[in-house]
Amino acid sequence: MPFRAGRSTGQVNFEMLHPRDKIEQVMARVYGGEMTTTSGGNVSVRALVVGQSVLDAFDRLEVLEATAKALLSASVLGPGQPMPAAAIDELCEAFGLKPAP
């Protein structure tokens, strides 16, 4: 059975989880730990981001927000599928990023 936020699955090695599942698990902790606020029906999550500049930190926050929204919206469709290594390599090359070890 795949890991789903809010379900007890016994001992789970966090490092072995898919990145999507890691985010779901963290979001479950955030919501369960009352680390959120509501305003006008919107849910706000308190997050700390850092960067080389204020603009860099803001950009990272925007990426975090967009990623969280996409993952939460897509979670109703079922479990995600890992991106092929070739696609990740292509994205890293296109954006000048170093692939994860």
C-alpha atoms as a PDB file:
ATOM      1  CA  MET A   1       0.000   0.000   0.000  1.00  0.00           C
ATOM      2  CA  PRO A   2       1.493   3.410  -0.934  1.00  0.00           C
ATOM      3  CA  PHE A   3       2.089   5.999   1.770  1.00  0.00           C
ATOM      4  CA  ARG A   4      -0.750   8.499   2.124  1.00  0.00           C
ATOM      5  CA  ALA A   5      -0.770  11.461   4.488  1.00  0.00           C
ATOM      6  CA  GLY A   6      -2.846  10.855   7.567  1.00  0.00           C
ATOM      7  CA  ARG A   7      -2.652   7.040   7.429  1.00  0.00           C
ATOM      8  CA  SER A   8      -0.685   5.052   9.926  1.00  0.00           C
ATOM      9  CA  THR A   9       1.779   2.865   8.044  1.00  0.00           C
ATOM     10  CA  GLY A  10       4.039   1.936  10.941  1.00  0.00           C
ATOM     11  CA  GLN A  11       7.714   2.808  10.735  1.00  0.00           C
ATOM     12  CA  VAL A  12       8.507   4.604   7.471  1.00  0.00           C
ATOM     13  CA  ASN A  13      12.026   5.661   6.496  1.00  0.00           C
ATOM     14  CA  PHE A  14      11.435   9.283   5.467  1.00  0.00           C
ATOM     15  CA  GLU A  15      14.534   9.344   3.250  1.00  0.00           C
ATOM     16  CA  MET A  16      13.214   6.420   1.205  1.00  0.00           C
ATOM     17  CA  LEU A  17       9.927   8.163   0.366  1.00  0.00           C
ATOM     18  CA  HIS A  18       9.244   9.681  -3.033  1.00  0.00           C
ATOM     19  CA  PRO A  19       9.587  13.514  -2.898  1.00  0.00           C
ATOM     20  CA  ARG A  20       5.821  13.856  -3.439  1.00  0.00           C
ATOM     21  CA  ASP A  21       5.161  11.630  -0.438  1.00  0.00           C
ATOM     22  CA  LYS A  22       7.678  13.572   1.666  1.00  0.00           C
ATOM     23  CA  ILE A  23       5.797  16.790   0.928  1.00  0.00           C
ATOM     24  CA  GLU A  24       2.461  15.133   1.738  1.00  0.00           C
ATOM     25  CA  GLN A  25       3.850  13.888   5.054  1.00  0.00           C
ATOM     26  CA  VAL A  26       5.257  17.311   5.963  1.00  0.00           C
ATOM     27  CA  MET A  27       2.005  19.023   4.976  1.00  0.00           C
ATOM     28  CA  ALA A  28       0.063  16.588   7.180  1.00  0.00           C
ATOM     29  CA  ARG A  29       2.335  17.510  10.092  1.00  0.00           C
ATOM     30  CA  VAL A  30       1.911  21.222   9.363  1.00  0.00           C
ATOM     31  CA  TYR A  31      -1.876  21.010   9.231  1.00  0.00           C
ATOM     32  CA  GLY A  32      -2.037  18.656  12.224  1.00  0.00           C
ATOM     33  CA  GLY A  33       0.293  20.888  14.245  1.00  0.00           C
ATOM     34  CA  GLU A  34      -1.921  23.949  13.718  1.00  0.00           C
ATOM     35  CA  MET A  35       0.867  25.736  11.881  1.00  0.00           C
ATOM     36  CA  THR A  36      -1.657  27.211   9.476  1.00  0.00           C
ATOM     37  CA  THR A  37      -3.952  30.201   9.412  1.00  0.00           C
ATOM     38  CA  THR A  38      -7.127  30.779   7.458  1.00  0.00           C
ATOM     39  CA  SER A  39      -8.213  33.997   5.851  1.00  0.00           C
ATOM     40  CA  GLY A  40     -11.247  34.351   3.608  1.00  0.00           C
ATOM     41  CA  GLY A  41     -11.416  30.596   3.054  1.00  0.00           C
ATOM     42  CA  ASN A  42      -7.766  30.343   2.004  1.00  0.00           C
ATOM     43  CA  VAL A  43      -5.271  28.273   3.943  1.00  0.00           C
ATOM     44  CA  SER A  44      -1.876  29.811   4.607  1.00  0.00           C
ATOM     45  CA  VAL A  45       1.099  27.726   5.652  1.00  0.00           C
ATOM     46  CA  ARG A  46       3.909  29.322   7.589  1.00  0.00           C
ATOM     47  CA  ALA A  47       7.208  28.594   5.865  1.00  0.00           C
ATOM     48  CA  LEU A  48      10.771  29.785   6.227  1.00  0.00           C
ATOM     49  CA  VAL A  49      12.718  30.197   3.011  1.00  0.00           C
ATOM     50  CA  VAL A  50      16.207  31.563   2.530  1.00  0.00           C
ATOM     51  CA  GLY A  51      18.181  32.640  -0.490  1.00  0.00           C
ATOM     52  CA  GLN A  52      21.151  34.661  -1.680  1.00  0.00           C
ATOM     53  CA  SER A  53      18.879  37.736  -1.759  1.00  0.00           C
ATOM     54  CA  VAL A  54      15.355  38.728  -0.820  1.00  0.00           C
ATOM     55  CA  LEU A  55      14.296  38.200  -4.436  1.00  0.00           C
ATOM     56  CA  ASP A  56      15.863  34.718  -4.467  1.00  0.00           C
ATOM     57  CA  ALA A  57      14.059  33.785  -1.234  1.00  0.00           C
ATOM     58  CA  PHE A  58      10.771  35.115  -2.628  1.00  0.00           C
ATOM     59  CA  ASP A  59      11.268  33.072  -5.806  1.00  0.00           C
ATOM     60  CA  ARG A  60      11.822  29.943  -3.724  1.00  0.00           C
ATOM     61  CA  LEU A  61       8.652  30.672  -1.766  1.00  0.00           C
ATOM     62  CA  GLU A  62       6.698  31.020  -5.021  1.00  0.00           C
ATOM     63  CA  VAL A  63       8.066  27.669  -6.214  1.00  0.00           C
ATOM     64  CA  LEU A  64       7.141  26.068  -2.870  1.00  0.00           C
ATOM     65  CA  GLU A  65       3.600  27.415  -3.092  1.00  0.00           C
ATOM     66  CA  ALA A  66       3.085  26.327  -6.704  1.00  0.00           C
ATOM     67  CA  THR A  67       4.522  22.870  -6.004  1.00  0.00           C
ATOM     68  CA  ALA A  68       2.353  22.360  -2.930  1.00  0.00           C
ATOM     69  CA  LYS A  69      -0.782  23.422  -4.810  1.00  0.00           C
ATOM     70  CA  ALA A  70       0.011  21.129  -7.729  1.00  0.00           C
ATOM     71  CA  LEU A  71       0.741  18.139  -5.493  1.00  0.00           C
ATOM     72  CA  LEU A  72      -2.345  18.609  -3.367  1.00  0.00           C
ATOM     73  CA  SER A  73      -4.544  19.088  -6.432  1.00  0.00           C
ATOM     74  CA  ALA A  74      -3.072  16.041  -8.176  1.00  0.00           C
ATOM     75  CA  SER A  75      -3.327  13.809  -5.095  1.00  0.00           C
ATOM     76  CA  VAL A  76      -7.034  13.226  -5.811  1.00  0.00           C
ATOM     77  CA  LEU A  77      -6.011  11.467  -9.041  1.00  0.00           C
ATOM     78  CA  GLY A  78      -4.068   8.799  -7.171  1.00  0.00           C
ATOM     79  CA  PRO A  79      -0.421   8.082  -6.546  1.00  0.00           C
ATOM     80  CA  GLY A  80       2.097   9.927  -8.661  1.00  0.00           C
ATOM     81  CA  GLN A  81       4.641   8.340 -10.933  1.00  0.00           C
ATOM     82  CA  PRO A  82       8.372   9.060 -10.661  1.00  0.00           C
ATOM     83  CA  MET A  83       9.816  11.193 -13.436  1.00  0.00           C
ATOM     84  CA  PRO A  84      12.215   9.251 -15.655  1.00  0.00           C
ATOM     85  CA  ALA A  85      15.896   9.991 -15.046  1.00  0.00           C
ATOM     86  CA  ALA A  86      16.303  11.121 -18.661  1.00  0.00           C
ATOM     87  CA  ALA A  87      13.611  13.790 -18.195  1.00  0.00           C
ATOM     88  CA  ILE A  88      15.254  15.021 -14.984  1.00  0.00           C
ATOM     89  CA  ASP A  89      18.630  15.200 -16.725  1.00  0.00           C
ATOM     90  CA  GLU A  90      17.060  17.171 -19.578  1.00  0.00           C
ATOM     91  CA  LEU A  91      15.498  19.670 -17.162  1.00  0.00           C
ATOM     92  CA  CYS A  92      18.746  20.048 -15.232  1.00  0.00           C
ATOM     93  CA  GLU A  93      20.608  20.761 -18.459  1.00  0.00           C
ATOM     94  CA  ALA A  94      17.975  23.228 -19.689  1.00  0.00           C
ATOM     95  CA  PHE A  95      18.021  25.208 -16.438  1.00  0.00           C
ATOM     96  CA  GLY A  96      21.731  24.855 -15.663  1.00  0.00           C
ATOM     97  CA  LEU A  97      21.136  22.790 -12.522  1.00  0.00           C
ATOM     98  CA  LYS A  98      23.216  20.048 -11.005  1.00  0.00           C
ATOM     99  CA  PRO A  99      21.363  16.725 -10.700  1.00  0.00           C
ATOM    100  CA  ALA A 100      20.947  15.361  -7.181  1.00  0.00           C
ATOM    101  CA  PRO A 101      23.538  12.751  -6.169  1.00  0.00           C
END
